[in-house]
Amino acid sequence: MLEHAGVVSVPPLKGPKLWHGHLAVEAARLGQGVALVSDLMAGELLASGELVEVCRADVRLGAYYFIAPARRWNDSAISALRDWLHGFVRQCMVEPVVTPSR
């Protein structure tokens, strides 16, 4: 992953490798290393100054999917969560978000 951020020579990394972003952010917050996570995971801590970005990069690896059974797609709870999540992601994005049709 570091190669995506422009780091061409990555030495062997020591210590634990936390594959879940929330654990990596918490470890970094506690001074136990660095984390490679999304703006969604670290945005508030970066904005407050509790964490700092080591190197400016715009790395995008894959995607996340919001999934639900088709028969329940328009249930009020799923619709409310989907609308909230869409609005939250829109606030975090630098590029405009295209709203998919329902």
C-alpha atoms as a PDB file:
ATOM      1  CA  MET A   1       0.000   0.000   0.000  1.00  0.00           C
ATOM      2  CA  LEU A   2       2.816   2.424   0.692  1.00  0.00           C
ATOM      3  CA  GLU A   3       3.813   2.212  -2.957  1.00  0.00           C
ATOM      4  CA  HIS A   4       0.449   3.815  -3.830  1.00  0.00           C
ATOM      5  CA  ALA A   5       1.501   6.826  -1.730  1.00  0.00           C
ATOM      6  CA  GLY A   6       4.777   7.193  -3.638  1.00  0.00           C
ATOM      7  CA  VAL A   7       7.069   5.386  -1.170  1.00  0.00           C
ATOM      8  CA  VAL A   8       9.366   3.418  -3.451  1.00  0.00           C
ATOM      9  CA  SER A   9      11.671   1.722  -0.957  1.00  0.00           C
ATOM     10  CA  VAL A  10       9.777   0.121   1.885  1.00  0.00           C
ATOM     11  CA  PRO A  11      12.006  -1.466   4.541  1.00  0.00           C
ATOM     12  CA  PRO A  12      10.776  -4.535   6.427  1.00  0.00           C
ATOM     13  CA  LEU A  13       8.186  -3.300   8.912  1.00  0.00           C
ATOM     14  CA  LYS A  14       8.447  -4.442  12.521  1.00  0.00           C
ATOM     15  CA  GLY A  15       5.730  -4.716  15.111  1.00  0.00           C
ATOM     16  CA  PRO A  16       2.061  -5.551  14.799  1.00  0.00           C
ATOM     17  CA  LYS A  17       0.148  -4.876  11.618  1.00  0.00           C
ATOM     18  CA  LEU A  18      -3.436  -3.951  12.428  1.00  0.00           C
ATOM     19  CA  TRP A  19      -5.653  -4.714   9.450  1.00  0.00           C
ATOM     20  CA  HIS A  20      -8.725  -2.999  10.892  1.00  0.00           C
ATOM     21  CA  GLY A  21      -8.630   0.776  10.454  1.00  0.00           C
ATOM     22  CA  HIS A  22     -10.196   1.602  13.816  1.00  0.00           C
ATOM     23  CA  LEU A  23      -7.467  -0.360  15.609  1.00  0.00           C
ATOM     24  CA  ALA A  24      -4.718   1.274  13.546  1.00  0.00           C
ATOM     25  CA  VAL A  25      -6.096   4.773  14.263  1.00  0.00           C
ATOM     26  CA  GLU A  26      -6.324   4.059  17.985  1.00  0.00           C
ATOM     27  CA  ALA A  27      -2.763   2.700  18.065  1.00  0.00           C
ATOM     28  CA  ALA A  28      -1.498   5.818  16.249  1.00  0.00           C
ATOM     29  CA  ARG A  29      -3.500   8.032  18.622  1.00  0.00           C
ATOM     30  CA  LEU A  30      -1.795   6.291  21.554  1.00  0.00           C
ATOM     31  CA  GLY A  31       1.658   6.841  20.026  1.00  0.00           C
ATOM     32  CA  GLN A  32       2.225   3.226  19.011  1.00  0.00           C
ATOM     33  CA  GLY A  33       2.995   3.828  15.339  1.00  0.00           C
ATOM     34  CA  VAL A  34       1.422   5.170  12.187  1.00  0.00           C
ATOM     35  CA  ALA A  35      -1.806   4.278  10.405  1.00  0.00           C
ATOM     36  CA  LEU A  36      -2.816   4.144   6.769  1.00  0.00           C
ATOM     37  CA  VAL A  37      -6.560   4.806   6.847  1.00  0.00           C
ATOM     38  CA  SER A  38      -9.243   6.780   5.042  1.00  0.00           C
ATOM     39  CA  ASP A  39     -10.453  10.295   5.746  1.00  0.00           C
ATOM     40  CA  LEU A  40     -13.610   8.729   7.152  1.00  0.00           C
ATOM     41  CA  MET A  41     -11.561   6.952   9.826  1.00  0.00           C
ATOM     42  CA  ALA A  42      -9.167   9.759  10.745  1.00  0.00           C
ATOM     43  CA  GLY A  43     -10.801  12.976   9.526  1.00  0.00           C
ATOM     44  CA  GLU A  44     -12.009  14.278  12.895  1.00  0.00           C
ATOM     45  CA  LEU A  45      -8.707  13.459  14.632  1.00  0.00           C
ATOM     46  CA  LEU A  46      -6.787  15.194  11.846  1.00  0.00           C
ATOM     47  CA  ALA A  47      -9.074  18.241  11.996  1.00  0.00           C
ATOM     48  CA  SER A  48      -8.661  18.507  15.783  1.00  0.00           C
ATOM     49  CA  GLY A  49      -4.864  18.192  15.515  1.00  0.00           C
ATOM     50  CA  GLU A  50      -4.758  15.027  17.616  1.00  0.00           C
ATOM     51  CA  LEU A  51      -3.229  13.223  14.621  1.00  0.00           C
ATOM     52  CA  VAL A  52      -1.161  14.677  11.785  1.00  0.00           C
ATOM     53  CA  GLU A  53      -0.802  13.482   8.212  1.00  0.00           C
ATOM     54  CA  VAL A  54       2.726  12.147   7.689  1.00  0.00           C
ATOM     55  CA  CYS A  55       2.699  12.545   3.917  1.00  0.00           C
ATOM     56  CA  ARG A  56       0.027  14.096   1.734  1.00  0.00           C
ATOM     57  CA  ALA A  57      -1.401  11.404  -0.513  1.00  0.00           C
ATOM     58  CA  ASP A  58      -4.647  10.568  -2.250  1.00  0.00           C
ATOM     59  CA  VAL A  59      -4.555   6.773  -2.198  1.00  0.00           C
ATOM     60  CA  ARG A  60      -7.697   4.923  -3.241  1.00  0.00           C
ATOM     61  CA  LEU A  61      -7.834   1.176  -2.798  1.00  0.00           C
ATOM     62  CA  GLY A  62     -11.020  -0.520  -3.866  1.00  0.00           C
ATOM     63  CA  ALA A  63     -14.494   0.416  -2.682  1.00  0.00           C
ATOM     64  CA  TYR A  64     -17.072  -0.133   0.000  1.00  0.00           C
ATOM     65  CA  TYR A  65     -20.608  -1.266  -0.730  1.00  0.00           C
ATOM     66  CA  PHE A  66     -23.826  -0.577   1.149  1.00  0.00           C
ATOM     67  CA  ILE A  67     -25.886  -3.699   0.668  1.00  0.00           C
ATOM     68  CA  ALA A  68     -29.313  -4.811   1.812  1.00  0.00           C
ATOM     69  CA  PRO A  69     -31.900  -7.307   0.635  1.00  0.00           C
ATOM     70  CA  ALA A  70     -33.675  -5.894  -2.437  1.00  0.00           C
ATOM     71  CA  ARG A  71     -37.078  -6.480  -0.854  1.00  0.00           C
ATOM     72  CA  ARG A  72     -36.084  -4.250   2.116  1.00  0.00           C
ATOM     73  CA  TRP A  73     -34.166  -1.526   0.214  1.00  0.00           C
ATOM     74  CA  ASN A  74     -36.871   1.089   0.864  1.00  0.00           C
ATOM     75  CA  ASP A  75     -37.614   0.140   4.494  1.00  0.00           C
ATOM     76  CA  SER A  76     -37.572   3.290   6.591  1.00  0.00           C
ATOM     77  CA  ALA A  77     -34.565   2.252   8.725  1.00  0.00           C
ATOM     78  CA  ILE A  78     -32.447   1.210   5.726  1.00  0.00           C
ATOM     79  CA  SER A  79     -33.485   4.291   3.771  1.00  0.00           C
ATOM     80  CA  ALA A  80     -32.623   6.578   6.721  1.00  0.00           C
ATOM     81  CA  LEU A  81     -29.202   4.966   7.177  1.00  0.00           C
ATOM     82  CA  ARG A  82     -28.532   5.059   3.435  1.00  0.00           C
ATOM     83  CA  ASP A  83     -29.450   8.771   3.256  1.00  0.00           C
ATOM     84  CA  TRP A  84     -27.328   9.615   6.318  1.00  0.00           C
ATOM     85  CA  LEU A  85     -24.344   7.671   4.993  1.00  0.00           C
ATOM     86  CA  HIS A  86     -24.634   9.277   1.567  1.00  0.00           C
ATOM     87  CA  GLY A  87     -24.714  12.764   3.134  1.00  0.00           C
ATOM     88  CA  PHE A  88     -21.767  11.994   5.408  1.00  0.00           C
ATOM     89  CA  VAL A  89     -19.640  10.660   2.563  1.00  0.00           C
ATOM     90  CA  ARG A  90     -20.594  13.667   0.419  1.00  0.00           C
ATOM     91  CA  GLN A  91     -19.262  15.994   3.166  1.00  0.00           C
ATOM     92  CA  CYS A  92     -15.970  14.078   3.244  1.00  0.00           C
ATOM     93  CA  MET A  93     -15.411  13.911  -0.514  1.00  0.00           C
ATOM     94  CA  VAL A  94     -13.232  16.316  -2.422  1.00  0.00           C
ATOM     95  CA  GLU A  95     -14.763  15.313  -5.740  1.00  0.00           C
ATOM     96  CA  PRO A  96     -18.507  15.593  -6.446  1.00  0.00           C
ATOM     97  CA  VAL A  97     -20.534  12.481  -5.667  1.00  0.00           C
ATOM     98  CA  VAL A  98     -22.923  11.120  -8.284  1.00  0.00           C
ATOM     99  CA  THR A  99     -26.152  10.018  -6.627  1.00  0.00           C
ATOM    100  CA  PRO A 100     -27.202   6.557  -7.842  1.00  0.00           C
ATOM    101  CA  SER A 101     -30.833   6.017  -8.778  1.00  0.00           C
ATOM    102  CA  ARG A 102     -32.887   4.048  -6.289  1.00  0.00           C
END
